[in-house]
Amino acid sequence: MQLHDVWFVLIAVLWTGYFFLEGFDFGVGVLTKLLARDRKEKRVLINTIGPVWDGNEVWLLTAGGATFAAFPEWYATLFSGFYLPLLLILICLIIRGVAFEYRHKRDEERWQANWEHAIFWTSLIPAFLWGVAFANIVRGVKIDDQMEYVGSLFDLLNVYSLLGGLVTLTLFTFHGAVFTSLKTVGDIRERSRTLATRLGVLTAVLALVFLVWTQVSRGDGKSLIAMVVAVLALVGALGCNVAGREGWSFALSGVTIAAAVAMLFLTLFPNVMPSSLNEAWNLTVTNASSSPYTLKIMTWCAGVATPLVLLYQGWTYWVFRKRIGTQHIVDAH
């Protein structure tokens, strides 16, 4: 295996980590409207991710930076062709971070309600758009012989990609509901389990259609194995949630996300961005990668930095591992 193959795998791992962590993060943001009955319950939901949401976004920065350094042609074509959706995601992430920090700065009802609306929409929109983006990458887009995207925004809004967006939105919301039941106590915990069951059934239907469509159109034996793992893990997550085994349910919903991402990357390889105009114009791990020397330096840097980041983030989750409920929320003056 050559270094460009190794970095293709590493980038897939980075996106898996991002979707696993930011997935429940987005899901909890959506649940502030679907689950919380009052302001105190919204504060409970936000506090479950308060210590970790910004650390979760580090995985996105790392995935984007690794793509830029390891596969500059992929990065250039992706960010130029998907400019508007990615810009919208970026704006949402900026507003979302501001909303988390500013919501509690004033006690006025309107002030807090506006920031809570912002948290909901800036969680829902990226959760949907990431599915649209990755579905288009797998499906193939209009790339010419100069490795440039020559399509339009409307070319990205097809049935397959919109279905992919619905899958990521429902899957992340289900993941967030399971996380909420794992991190809370009392009535909100029970209601999150009930909602997770309903969301899980909807997610299973949408995900099965999307994954089978992907497998039939672009899959092989390896992607089929990943698809089976994703489906079985999702069914297992649903069963554990119904049985009240929140820890196992959360772990299996994470496996579902990891297996689904693995399937998408397996259907891509050795391409990184297929061309729908001509297969000869596909961006591959070979023609889109940096020089071997650059990849070698990156590998050494990643080998040193990655364990430190994982240790720090793991420690953060360990420190804030306890459950919370409305009884832990101090009433505002």
C-alpha atoms as a PDB file:
ATOM      1  CA  MET A   1       0.000   0.000   0.000  1.00  0.00           C
ATOM      2  CA  GLN A   2       1.417   3.359  -1.044  1.00  0.00           C
ATOM      3  CA  LEU A   3       1.234   6.546   0.992  1.00  0.00           C
ATOM      4  CA  HIS A   4      -1.593   8.069  -1.059  1.00  0.00           C
ATOM      5  CA  ASP A   5      -3.644   4.953  -0.305  1.00  0.00           C
ATOM      6  CA  VAL A   6      -2.803   5.274   3.381  1.00  0.00           C
ATOM      7  CA  TRP A   7      -3.939   8.899   3.417  1.00  0.00           C
ATOM      8  CA  PHE A   8      -7.167   8.020   1.650  1.00  0.00           C
ATOM      9  CA  VAL A   9      -7.865   5.627   4.528  1.00  0.00           C
ATOM     10  CA  LEU A  10      -6.816   8.213   7.138  1.00  0.00           C
ATOM     11  CA  ILE A  11      -9.115  10.844   5.659  1.00  0.00           C
ATOM     12  CA  ALA A  12     -11.956   8.310   5.750  1.00  0.00           C
ATOM     13  CA  VAL A  13     -11.159   7.733   9.436  1.00  0.00           C
ATOM     14  CA  LEU A  14     -11.182  11.474  10.120  1.00  0.00           C
ATOM     15  CA  TRP A  15     -14.585  11.895   8.481  1.00  0.00           C
ATOM     16  CA  THR A  16     -15.848   8.892  10.441  1.00  0.00           C
ATOM     17  CA  GLY A  17     -14.695  10.475  13.685  1.00  0.00           C
ATOM     18  CA  TYR A  18     -16.295  13.772  12.734  1.00  0.00           C
ATOM     19  CA  PHE A  19     -19.661  12.263  11.839  1.00  0.00           C
ATOM     20  CA  PHE A  20     -19.635  10.048  14.955  1.00  0.00           C
ATOM     21  CA  LEU A  21     -18.934  12.955  17.332  1.00  0.00           C
ATOM     22  CA  GLU A  22     -20.549  15.886  15.550  1.00  0.00           C
ATOM     23  CA  GLY A  23     -23.418  13.584  14.594  1.00  0.00           C
ATOM     24  CA  PHE A  24     -24.838  13.358  18.116  1.00  0.00           C
ATOM     25  CA  ASP A  25     -23.843  17.001  18.558  1.00  0.00           C
ATOM     26  CA  PHE A  26     -26.070  18.022  15.632  1.00  0.00           C
ATOM     27  CA  GLY A  27     -28.746  15.620  16.819  1.00  0.00           C
ATOM     28  CA  VAL A  28     -28.942  17.213  20.254  1.00  0.00           C
ATOM     29  CA  GLY A  29     -29.231  20.626  18.603  1.00  0.00           C
ATOM     30  CA  VAL A  30     -32.213  19.405  16.564  1.00  0.00           C
ATOM     31  CA  LEU A  31     -33.752  17.872  19.684  1.00  0.00           C
ATOM     32  CA  THR A  32     -33.909  21.265  21.399  1.00  0.00           C
ATOM     33  CA  LYS A  33     -37.088  21.727  19.346  1.00  0.00           C
ATOM     34  CA  LEU A  34     -38.307  18.146  19.064  1.00  0.00           C
ATOM     35  CA  LEU A  35     -37.790  16.973  22.641  1.00  0.00           C
ATOM     36  CA  ALA A  36     -37.444  19.855  25.101  1.00  0.00           C
ATOM     37  CA  ARG A  37     -40.708  21.121  26.575  1.00  0.00           C
ATOM     38  CA  ASP A  38     -39.422  24.256  28.270  1.00  0.00           C
ATOM     39  CA  ARG A  39     -36.336  26.424  28.647  1.00  0.00           C
ATOM     40  CA  LYS A  40     -34.927  24.353  31.502  1.00  0.00           C
ATOM     41  CA  GLU A  41     -35.018  21.164  29.423  1.00  0.00           C
ATOM     42  CA  LYS A  42     -33.362  23.000  26.543  1.00  0.00           C
ATOM     43  CA  ARG A  43     -30.593  23.980  28.934  1.00  0.00           C
ATOM     44  CA  VAL A  44     -30.220  20.341  29.941  1.00  0.00           C
ATOM     45  CA  LEU A  45     -29.832  19.295  26.305  1.00  0.00           C
ATOM     46  CA  ILE A  46     -27.350  22.044  25.534  1.00  0.00           C
ATOM     47  CA  ASN A  47     -25.358  21.239  28.683  1.00  0.00           C
ATOM     48  CA  THR A  48     -24.942  17.614  27.600  1.00  0.00           C
ATOM     49  CA  ILE A  49     -22.802  18.774  24.677  1.00  0.00           C
ATOM     50  CA  GLY A  50     -21.576  22.054  26.139  1.00  0.00           C
ATOM     51  CA  PRO A  51     -18.123  20.771  27.177  1.00  0.00           C
ATOM     52  CA  VAL A  52     -17.463  18.830  23.957  1.00  0.00           C
ATOM     53  CA  TRP A  53     -19.099  20.459  20.918  1.00  0.00           C
ATOM     54  CA  ASP A  54     -16.104  22.632  20.025  1.00  0.00           C
ATOM     55  CA  GLY A  55     -13.701  19.698  20.383  1.00  0.00           C
ATOM     56  CA  ASN A  56     -15.885  17.654  18.050  1.00  0.00           C
ATOM     57  CA  GLU A  57     -15.430  20.250  15.309  1.00  0.00           C
ATOM     58  CA  VAL A  58     -11.662  19.766  15.426  1.00  0.00           C
ATOM     59  CA  TRP A  59     -12.213  16.586  13.427  1.00  0.00           C
ATOM     60  CA  LEU A  60     -13.717  18.620  10.579  1.00  0.00           C
ATOM     61  CA  LEU A  61     -10.765  21.019  10.555  1.00  0.00           C
ATOM     62  CA  THR A  62      -8.359  18.103  10.538  1.00  0.00           C
ATOM     63  CA  ALA A  63     -10.217  16.290   7.761  1.00  0.00           C
ATOM     64  CA  GLY A  64     -10.294  19.434   5.630  1.00  0.00           C
ATOM     65  CA  GLY A  65      -6.647  20.217   6.305  1.00  0.00           C
ATOM     66  CA  ALA A  66      -5.561  16.654   5.567  1.00  0.00           C
ATOM     67  CA  THR A  67      -7.484  16.689   2.286  1.00  0.00           C
ATOM     68  CA  PHE A  68      -5.864  19.998   1.312  1.00  0.00           C
ATOM     69  CA  ALA A  69      -2.355  18.711   2.059  1.00  0.00           C
ATOM     70  CA  ALA A  70      -2.653  15.109   0.854  1.00  0.00           C
ATOM     71  CA  PHE A  71      -5.000  15.555  -2.127  1.00  0.00           C
ATOM     72  CA  PRO A  72      -4.850  19.211  -3.271  1.00  0.00           C
ATOM     73  CA  GLU A  73      -6.637  18.513  -6.579  1.00  0.00           C
ATOM     74  CA  TRP A  74      -9.494  16.832  -4.721  1.00  0.00           C
ATOM     75  CA  TYR A  75      -9.696  19.728  -2.274  1.00  0.00           C
ATOM     76  CA  ALA A  76      -9.677  22.348  -5.053  1.00  0.00           C
ATOM     77  CA  THR A  77     -12.362  20.635  -7.141  1.00  0.00           C
ATOM     78  CA  LEU A  78     -14.527  19.822  -4.142  1.00  0.00           C
ATOM     79  CA  PHE A  79     -14.497  23.270  -2.597  1.00  0.00           C
ATOM     80  CA  SER A  80     -14.961  25.079  -5.901  1.00  0.00           C
ATOM     81  CA  GLY A  81     -17.764  22.825  -7.136  1.00  0.00           C
ATOM     82  CA  PHE A  82     -19.543  22.597  -3.772  1.00  0.00           C
ATOM     83  CA  TYR A  83     -18.810  26.214  -2.870  1.00  0.00           C
ATOM     84  CA  LEU A  84     -22.318  27.346  -1.903  1.00  0.00           C
ATOM     85  CA  PRO A  85     -23.325  24.277   0.187  1.00  0.00           C
ATOM     86  CA  LEU A  86     -19.975  24.252   1.999  1.00  0.00           C
ATOM     87  CA  LEU A  87     -20.153  28.006   2.575  1.00  0.00           C
ATOM     88  CA  LEU A  88     -23.629  27.563   4.056  1.00  0.00           C
ATOM     89  CA  ILE A  89     -22.300  24.819   6.347  1.00  0.00           C
ATOM     90  CA  LEU A  90     -19.439  27.086   7.431  1.00  0.00           C
ATOM     91  CA  ILE A  91     -21.807  29.969   8.192  1.00  0.00           C
ATOM     92  CA  CYS A  92     -24.035  27.629  10.193  1.00  0.00           C
ATOM     93  CA  LEU A  93     -21.089  26.352  12.242  1.00  0.00           C
ATOM     94  CA  ILE A  94     -19.972  29.903  13.007  1.00  0.00           C
ATOM     95  CA  ILE A  95     -23.456  31.025  14.072  1.00  0.00           C
ATOM     96  CA  ARG A  96     -23.907  27.815  16.054  1.00  0.00           C
ATOM     97  CA  GLY A  97     -20.761  28.409  18.055  1.00  0.00           C
ATOM     98  CA  VAL A  98     -21.778  31.995  18.760  1.00  0.00           C
ATOM     99  CA  ALA A  99     -25.249  30.819  19.814  1.00  0.00           C
ATOM    100  CA  PHE A 100     -23.829  28.392  22.380  1.00  0.00           C
ATOM    101  CA  GLU A 101     -21.666  31.130  23.897  1.00  0.00           C
ATOM    102  CA  TYR A 102     -24.118  34.051  23.766  1.00  0.00           C
ATOM    103  CA  ARG A 103     -27.438  32.397  24.616  1.00  0.00           C
ATOM    104  CA  HIS A 104     -26.939  32.631  28.376  1.00  0.00           C
ATOM    105  CA  LYS A 105     -25.375  36.114  28.418  1.00  0.00           C
ATOM    106  CA  ARG A 106     -28.736  37.816  28.965  1.00  0.00           C
ATOM    107  CA  ASP A 107     -31.913  36.629  30.721  1.00  0.00           C
ATOM    108  CA  GLU A 108     -34.408  38.243  28.353  1.00  0.00           C
ATOM    109  CA  GLU A 109     -36.891  35.781  26.867  1.00  0.00           C
ATOM    110  CA  ARG A 110     -36.540  37.050  23.307  1.00  0.00           C
ATOM    111  CA  TRP A 111     -32.734  37.033  23.453  1.00  0.00           C
ATOM    112  CA  GLN A 112     -32.532  33.398  24.554  1.00  0.00           C
ATOM    113  CA  ALA A 113     -35.329  32.256  22.228  1.00  0.00           C
ATOM    114  CA  ASN A 114     -33.555  33.731  19.190  1.00  0.00           C
ATOM    115  CA  TRP A 115     -30.294  31.973  19.996  1.00  0.00           C
ATOM    116  CA  GLU A 116     -32.157  28.706  20.618  1.00  0.00           C
ATOM    117  CA  HIS A 117     -33.771  29.011  17.173  1.00  0.00           C
ATOM    118  CA  ALA A 118     -30.279  29.528  15.787  1.00  0.00           C
ATOM    119  CA  ILE A 119     -28.980  26.378  17.522  1.00  0.00           C
ATOM    120  CA  PHE A 120     -31.811  24.320  16.028  1.00  0.00           C
ATOM    121  CA  TRP A 121     -31.448  25.521  12.434  1.00  0.00           C
ATOM    122  CA  THR A 122     -27.642  25.569  12.432  1.00  0.00           C
ATOM    123  CA  SER A 123     -27.698  21.955  13.620  1.00  0.00           C
ATOM    124  CA  LEU A 124     -30.354  20.759  11.176  1.00  0.00           C
ATOM    125  CA  ILE A 125     -28.975  22.405   8.022  1.00  0.00           C
ATOM    126  CA  PRO A 126     -25.389  21.031   8.215  1.00  0.00           C
ATOM    127  CA  ALA A 127     -26.681  17.588   9.202  1.00  0.00           C
ATOM    128  CA  PHE A 128     -28.702  17.559   5.975  1.00  0.00           C
ATOM    129  CA  LEU A 129     -26.116  19.184   3.697  1.00  0.00           C
ATOM    130  CA  TRP A 130     -23.279  16.824   4.653  1.00  0.00           C
ATOM    131  CA  GLY A 131     -25.378  13.933   3.367  1.00  0.00           C
ATOM    132  CA  VAL A 132     -26.134  15.814   0.150  1.00  0.00           C
ATOM    133  CA  ALA A 133     -22.429  16.557  -0.378  1.00  0.00           C
ATOM    134  CA  PHE A 134     -21.130  13.039   0.219  1.00  0.00           C
ATOM    135  CA  ALA A 135     -23.913  11.466  -1.834  1.00  0.00           C
ATOM    136  CA  ASN A 136     -22.885  13.640  -4.771  1.00  0.00           C
ATOM    137  CA  ILE A 137     -19.235  12.703  -4.317  1.00  0.00           C
ATOM    138  CA  VAL A 138     -20.135   9.016  -4.498  1.00  0.00           C
ATOM    139  CA  ARG A 139     -22.588   9.474  -7.364  1.00  0.00           C
ATOM    140  CA  GLY A 140     -20.166  11.521  -9.435  1.00  0.00           C
ATOM    141  CA  VAL A 141     -20.352  15.124 -10.589  1.00  0.00           C
ATOM    142  CA  LYS A 142     -19.531  17.051 -13.762  1.00  0.00           C
ATOM    143  CA  ILE A 143     -15.722  17.224 -13.816  1.00  0.00           C
ATOM    144  CA  ASP A 144     -13.918  18.030 -17.059  1.00  0.00           C
ATOM    145  CA  ASP A 145     -10.480  17.016 -18.318  1.00  0.00           C
ATOM    146  CA  GLN A 146      -8.914  19.940 -16.416  1.00  0.00           C
ATOM    147  CA  MET A 147     -10.126  18.519 -13.081  1.00  0.00           C
ATOM    148  CA  GLU A 148     -12.618  21.378 -12.754  1.00  0.00           C
ATOM    149  CA  TYR A 149     -16.279  21.189 -11.774  1.00  0.00           C
ATOM    150  CA  VAL A 150     -18.411  22.452 -14.666  1.00  0.00           C
ATOM    151  CA  GLY A 151     -21.880  21.755 -13.286  1.00  0.00           C
ATOM    152  CA  SER A 152     -24.281  24.051 -11.421  1.00  0.00           C
ATOM    153  CA  LEU A 153     -25.816  24.116  -7.972  1.00  0.00           C
ATOM    154  CA  PHE A 154     -28.966  22.453  -9.285  1.00  0.00           C
ATOM    155  CA  ASP A 155     -26.921  19.480 -10.524  1.00  0.00           C
ATOM    156  CA  LEU A 156     -26.192  18.732  -6.868  1.00  0.00           C
ATOM    157  CA  LEU A 157     -29.897  18.662  -5.971  1.00  0.00           C
ATOM    158  CA  ASN A 158     -30.859  15.254  -7.355  1.00  0.00           C
ATOM    159  CA  VAL A 159     -33.010  12.520  -5.832  1.00  0.00           C
ATOM    160  CA  TYR A 160     -30.057  10.408  -4.699  1.00  0.00           C
ATOM    161  CA  SER A 161     -28.266  13.265  -2.939  1.00  0.00           C
ATOM    162  CA  LEU A 162     -31.429  14.595  -1.297  1.00  0.00           C
ATOM    163  CA  LEU A 163     -32.105  11.094   0.018  1.00  0.00           C
ATOM    164  CA  GLY A 164     -28.550  11.047   1.351  1.00  0.00           C
ATOM    165  CA  GLY A 165     -29.255  14.315   3.152  1.00  0.00           C
ATOM    166  CA  LEU A 166     -32.388  12.895   4.765  1.00  0.00           C
ATOM    167  CA  VAL A 167     -30.419   9.825   5.871  1.00  0.00           C
ATOM    168  CA  THR A 168     -27.702  11.840   7.614  1.00  0.00           C
ATOM    169  CA  LEU A 169     -30.272  14.163   9.185  1.00  0.00           C
ATOM    170  CA  THR A 170     -32.383  11.350  10.644  1.00  0.00           C
ATOM    171  CA  LEU A 171     -29.358   9.220  11.575  1.00  0.00           C
ATOM    172  CA  PHE A 172     -27.653  12.080  13.410  1.00  0.00           C
ATOM    173  CA  THR A 173     -30.891  12.999  15.188  1.00  0.00           C
ATOM    174  CA  PHE A 174     -31.353   9.373  16.257  1.00  0.00           C
ATOM    175  CA  HIS A 175     -27.712   9.309  17.395  1.00  0.00           C
ATOM    176  CA  GLY A 176     -28.353  12.494  19.379  1.00  0.00           C
ATOM    177  CA  ALA A 177     -31.509  11.080  20.979  1.00  0.00           C
ATOM    178  CA  VAL A 178     -29.615   8.001  22.127  1.00  0.00           C
ATOM    179  CA  PHE A 179     -26.829  10.223  23.466  1.00  0.00           C
ATOM    180  CA  THR A 180     -29.418  12.299  25.334  1.00  0.00           C
ATOM    181  CA  SER A 181     -30.875   9.219  26.993  1.00  0.00           C
ATOM    182  CA  LEU A 182     -27.331   8.194  27.941  1.00  0.00           C
ATOM    183  CA  LYS A 183     -26.492  11.565  29.478  1.00  0.00           C
ATOM    184  CA  THR A 184     -29.706  12.558  31.261  1.00  0.00           C
ATOM    185  CA  VAL A 185     -31.914  11.421  34.117  1.00  0.00           C
ATOM    186  CA  GLY A 186     -35.605  11.650  34.853  1.00  0.00           C
ATOM    187  CA  ASP A 187     -38.475  12.277  32.492  1.00  0.00           C
ATOM    188  CA  ILE A 188     -36.341  13.716  29.702  1.00  0.00           C
ATOM    189  CA  ARG A 189     -34.354  10.478  29.604  1.00  0.00           C
ATOM    190  CA  GLU A 190     -37.485   8.387  29.131  1.00  0.00           C
ATOM    191  CA  ARG A 191     -38.899  10.671  26.464  1.00  0.00           C
ATOM    192  CA  SER A 192     -35.603  10.706  24.566  1.00  0.00           C
ATOM    193  CA  ARG A 193     -35.653   6.886  24.492  1.00  0.00           C
ATOM    194  CA  THR A 194     -39.199   6.909  23.127  1.00  0.00           C
ATOM    195  CA  LEU A 195     -38.315   9.490  20.495  1.00  0.00           C
ATOM    196  CA  ALA A 196     -35.140   7.577  19.604  1.00  0.00           C
ATOM    197  CA  THR A 197     -37.232   4.491  18.827  1.00  0.00           C
ATOM    198  CA  ARG A 198     -39.458   6.446  16.428  1.00  0.00           C
ATOM    199  CA  LEU A 199     -36.491   8.166  14.804  1.00  0.00           C
ATOM    200  CA  GLY A 200     -34.635   4.875  14.539  1.00  0.00           C
ATOM    201  CA  VAL A 201     -37.437   3.221  12.587  1.00  0.00           C
ATOM    202  CA  LEU A 202     -37.579   6.143  10.143  1.00  0.00           C
ATOM    203  CA  THR A 203     -33.789   6.164   9.847  1.00  0.00           C
ATOM    204  CA  ALA A 204     -33.688   2.435   9.163  1.00  0.00           C
ATOM    205  CA  VAL A 205     -36.135   2.742   6.265  1.00  0.00           C
ATOM    206  CA  LEU A 206     -34.350   5.694   4.651  1.00  0.00           C
ATOM    207  CA  ALA A 207     -30.863   4.268   5.249  1.00  0.00           C
ATOM    208  CA  LEU A 208     -31.763   0.877   3.809  1.00  0.00           C
ATOM    209  CA  VAL A 209     -33.055   2.443   0.583  1.00  0.00           C
ATOM    210  CA  PHE A 210     -29.995   4.711   0.271  1.00  0.00           C
ATOM    211  CA  LEU A 211     -27.415   2.025   1.055  1.00  0.00           C
ATOM    212  CA  VAL A 212     -28.997  -0.546  -1.276  1.00  0.00           C
ATOM    213  CA  TRP A 213     -29.143   2.078  -4.035  1.00  0.00           C
ATOM    214  CA  THR A 214     -25.456   2.847  -3.469  1.00  0.00           C
ATOM    215  CA  GLN A 215     -24.490  -0.814  -3.429  1.00  0.00           C
ATOM    216  CA  VAL A 216     -26.383  -1.642  -6.603  1.00  0.00           C
ATOM    217  CA  SER A 217     -25.021   1.338  -8.535  1.00  0.00           C
ATOM    218  CA  ARG A 218     -21.381   1.451  -7.389  1.00  0.00           C
ATOM    219  CA  GLY A 219     -20.710  -1.240  -4.792  1.00  0.00           C
ATOM    220  CA  ASP A 220     -18.583  -4.395  -4.642  1.00  0.00           C
ATOM    221  CA  GLY A 221     -18.006  -7.209  -2.157  1.00  0.00           C
ATOM    222  CA  LYS A 222     -16.229  -5.048   0.413  1.00  0.00           C
ATOM    223  CA  SER A 223     -18.862  -2.329   0.372  1.00  0.00           C
ATOM    224  CA  LEU A 224     -21.552  -5.009   0.709  1.00  0.00           C
ATOM    225  CA  ILE A 225     -19.947  -6.204   3.951  1.00  0.00           C
ATOM    226  CA  ALA A 226     -19.871  -2.629   5.262  1.00  0.00           C
ATOM    227  CA  MET A 227     -23.525  -2.172   4.307  1.00  0.00           C
ATOM    228  CA  VAL A 228     -24.559  -5.329   6.161  1.00  0.00           C
ATOM    229  CA  VAL A 229     -22.629  -4.201   9.254  1.00  0.00           C
ATOM    230  CA  ALA A 230     -24.321  -0.772   9.118  1.00  0.00           C
ATOM    231  CA  VAL A 231     -27.809  -2.277   8.845  1.00  0.00           C
ATOM    232  CA  LEU A 232     -27.247  -4.860  11.606  1.00  0.00           C
ATOM    233  CA  ALA A 233     -25.715  -2.241  13.900  1.00  0.00           C
ATOM    234  CA  LEU A 234     -28.681   0.080  13.389  1.00  0.00           C
ATOM    235  CA  VAL A 235     -31.125  -2.715  14.175  1.00  0.00           C
ATOM    236  CA  GLY A 236     -29.050  -3.577  17.248  1.00  0.00           C
ATOM    237  CA  ALA A 237     -29.030   0.073  18.352  1.00  0.00           C
ATOM    238  CA  LEU A 238     -32.817   0.153  18.075  1.00  0.00           C
ATOM    239  CA  GLY A 239     -33.180  -3.051  20.084  1.00  0.00           C
ATOM    240  CA  CYS A 240     -30.827  -1.879  22.828  1.00  0.00           C
ATOM    241  CA  ASN A 241     -32.623   1.444  23.024  1.00  0.00           C
ATOM    242  CA  VAL A 242     -35.969  -0.288  23.517  1.00  0.00           C
ATOM    243  CA  ALA A 243     -34.374  -2.482  26.210  1.00  0.00           C
ATOM    244  CA  GLY A 244     -33.000   0.542  28.034  1.00  0.00           C
ATOM    245  CA  ARG A 245     -29.349  -0.259  27.317  1.00  0.00           C
ATOM    246  CA  GLU A 246     -28.328   3.263  26.383  1.00  0.00           C
ATOM    247  CA  GLY A 247     -24.591   2.612  26.383  1.00  0.00           C
ATOM    248  CA  TRP A 248     -24.838  -0.273  23.944  1.00  0.00           C
ATOM    249  CA  SER A 249     -27.363   1.617  21.829  1.00  0.00           C
ATOM    250  CA  PHE A 250     -25.037   4.616  21.533  1.00  0.00           C
ATOM    251  CA  ALA A 251     -22.076   2.411  20.671  1.00  0.00           C
ATOM    252  CA  LEU A 252     -24.045   0.582  17.977  1.00  0.00           C
ATOM    253  CA  SER A 253     -25.417   3.791  16.480  1.00  0.00           C
ATOM    254  CA  GLY A 254     -21.784   4.898  16.266  1.00  0.00           C
ATOM    255  CA  VAL A 255     -20.908   1.646  14.511  1.00  0.00           C
ATOM    256  CA  THR A 256     -23.743   2.351  12.069  1.00  0.00           C
ATOM    257  CA  ILE A 257     -22.232   5.721  11.194  1.00  0.00           C
ATOM    258  CA  ALA A 258     -18.717   4.269  10.897  1.00  0.00           C
ATOM    259  CA  ALA A 259     -19.843   1.384   8.671  1.00  0.00           C
ATOM    260  CA  ALA A 260     -21.924   3.680   6.458  1.00  0.00           C
ATOM    261  CA  VAL A 261     -18.986   6.070   5.968  1.00  0.00           C
ATOM    262  CA  ALA A 262     -16.711   3.095   5.284  1.00  0.00           C
ATOM    263  CA  MET A 263     -19.137   1.861   2.643  1.00  0.00           C
ATOM    264  CA  LEU A 264     -19.149   5.236   0.887  1.00  0.00           C
ATOM    265  CA  PHE A 265     -15.353   5.427   0.812  1.00  0.00           C
ATOM    266  CA  LEU A 266     -15.087   1.801  -0.334  1.00  0.00           C
ATOM    267  CA  THR A 267     -17.369   2.548  -3.271  1.00  0.00           C
ATOM    268  CA  LEU A 268     -15.139   5.509  -4.142  1.00  0.00           C
ATOM    269  CA  PHE A 269     -11.695   3.886  -4.043  1.00  0.00           C
ATOM    270  CA  PRO A 270      -9.449   4.297  -5.996  1.00  0.00           C
ATOM    271  CA  ASN A 271     -11.375   7.418  -7.012  1.00  0.00           C
ATOM    272  CA  VAL A 272     -11.742  10.374  -4.698  1.00  0.00           C
ATOM    273  CA  MET A 273     -14.231  12.238  -6.884  1.00  0.00           C
ATOM    274  CA  PRO A 274     -15.680  10.515  -9.950  1.00  0.00           C
ATOM    275  CA  SER A 275     -16.604  12.435 -13.083  1.00  0.00           C
ATOM    276  CA  SER A 276     -20.092  11.869 -14.453  1.00  0.00           C
ATOM    277  CA  LEU A 277     -18.946  13.130 -17.863  1.00  0.00           C
ATOM    278  CA  ASN A 278     -16.100  10.719 -18.573  1.00  0.00           C
ATOM    279  CA  GLU A 279     -14.510   8.044 -16.387  1.00  0.00           C
ATOM    280  CA  ALA A 280     -11.105   9.035 -17.748  1.00  0.00           C
ATOM    281  CA  TRP A 281     -11.540  12.382 -15.996  1.00  0.00           C
ATOM    282  CA  ASN A 282     -12.073  10.874 -12.539  1.00  0.00           C
ATOM    283  CA  LEU A 283     -10.011  12.279  -9.699  1.00  0.00           C
ATOM    284  CA  THR A 284      -8.133   9.351  -8.178  1.00  0.00           C
ATOM    285  CA  VAL A 285      -5.780   8.791  -5.264  1.00  0.00           C
ATOM    286  CA  THR A 286      -2.966   8.905  -7.815  1.00  0.00           C
ATOM    287  CA  ASN A 287      -3.660  11.961  -9.970  1.00  0.00           C
ATOM    288  CA  ALA A 288      -5.091  14.076  -7.119  1.00  0.00           C
ATOM    289  CA  SER A 289      -2.417  13.437  -4.493  1.00  0.00           C
ATOM    290  CA  SER A 290       0.572  15.448  -3.298  1.00  0.00           C
ATOM    291  CA  SER A 291       4.167  14.364  -3.813  1.00  0.00           C
ATOM    292  CA  PRO A 292       5.471  11.295  -1.924  1.00  0.00           C
ATOM    293  CA  TYR A 293       7.767  13.540   0.122  1.00  0.00           C
ATOM    294  CA  THR A 294       4.822  15.686   1.291  1.00  0.00           C
ATOM    295  CA  LEU A 295       2.848  12.600   2.242  1.00  0.00           C
ATOM    296  CA  LYS A 296       5.832  11.225   4.140  1.00  0.00           C
ATOM    297  CA  ILE A 297       6.194  14.400   6.221  1.00  0.00           C
ATOM    298  CA  MET A 298       2.456  14.399   6.889  1.00  0.00           C
ATOM    299  CA  THR A 299       2.575  10.795   8.059  1.00  0.00           C
ATOM    300  CA  TRP A 300       5.260  11.573  10.647  1.00  0.00           C
ATOM    301  CA  CYS A 301       3.350  14.609  11.911  1.00  0.00           C
ATOM    302  CA  ALA A 302       0.095  12.667  12.150  1.00  0.00           C
ATOM    303  CA  GLY A 303       1.824   9.830  13.993  1.00  0.00           C
ATOM    304  CA  VAL A 304       2.970  12.229  16.712  1.00  0.00           C
ATOM    305  CA  ALA A 305      -0.051  14.530  17.002  1.00  0.00           C
ATOM    306  CA  THR A 306      -2.973  12.119  16.626  1.00  0.00           C
ATOM    307  CA  PRO A 307      -2.428  10.101  19.852  1.00  0.00           C
ATOM    308  CA  LEU A 308      -2.157  13.343  21.852  1.00  0.00           C
ATOM    309  CA  VAL A 309      -5.418  14.670  20.432  1.00  0.00           C
ATOM    310  CA  LEU A 310      -7.202  11.380  21.118  1.00  0.00           C
ATOM    311  CA  LEU A 311      -5.929  11.283  24.699  1.00  0.00           C
ATOM    312  CA  TYR A 312      -7.008  14.844  25.389  1.00  0.00           C
ATOM    313  CA  GLN A 313     -10.459  14.410  23.874  1.00  0.00           C
ATOM    314  CA  GLY A 314     -10.961  11.090  25.646  1.00  0.00           C
ATOM    315  CA  TRP A 315     -10.027  12.751  28.942  1.00  0.00           C
ATOM    316  CA  THR A 316     -12.590  15.500  28.277  1.00  0.00           C
ATOM    317  CA  TYR A 317     -15.385  12.983  27.807  1.00  0.00           C
ATOM    318  CA  TRP A 318     -14.294  11.132  30.949  1.00  0.00           C
ATOM    319  CA  VAL A 319     -14.377  14.297  33.081  1.00  0.00           C
ATOM    320  CA  PHE A 320     -17.901  15.181  31.889  1.00  0.00           C
ATOM    321  CA  ARG A 321     -19.264  11.648  31.913  1.00  0.00           C
ATOM    322  CA  LYS A 322     -22.004  12.064  34.557  1.00  0.00           C
ATOM    323  CA  ARG A 323     -25.702  12.322  33.780  1.00  0.00           C
ATOM    324  CA  ILE A 324     -27.598  15.564  34.296  1.00  0.00           C
ATOM    325  CA  GLY A 325     -31.234  16.535  34.647  1.00  0.00           C
ATOM    326  CA  THR A 326     -33.479  19.520  35.283  1.00  0.00           C
ATOM    327  CA  GLN A 327     -32.680  19.300  39.002  1.00  0.00           C
ATOM    328  CA  HIS A 328     -29.101  20.250  38.183  1.00  0.00           C
ATOM    329  CA  ILE A 329     -30.138  23.445  36.387  1.00  0.00           C
ATOM    330  CA  VAL A 330     -30.139  26.569  38.530  1.00  0.00           C
ATOM    331  CA  ASP A 331     -33.124  28.840  37.912  1.00  0.00           C
ATOM    332  CA  ALA A 332     -32.281  32.130  36.219  1.00  0.00           C
ATOM    333  CA  HIS A 333     -32.640  35.274  38.340  1.00  0.00           C
END
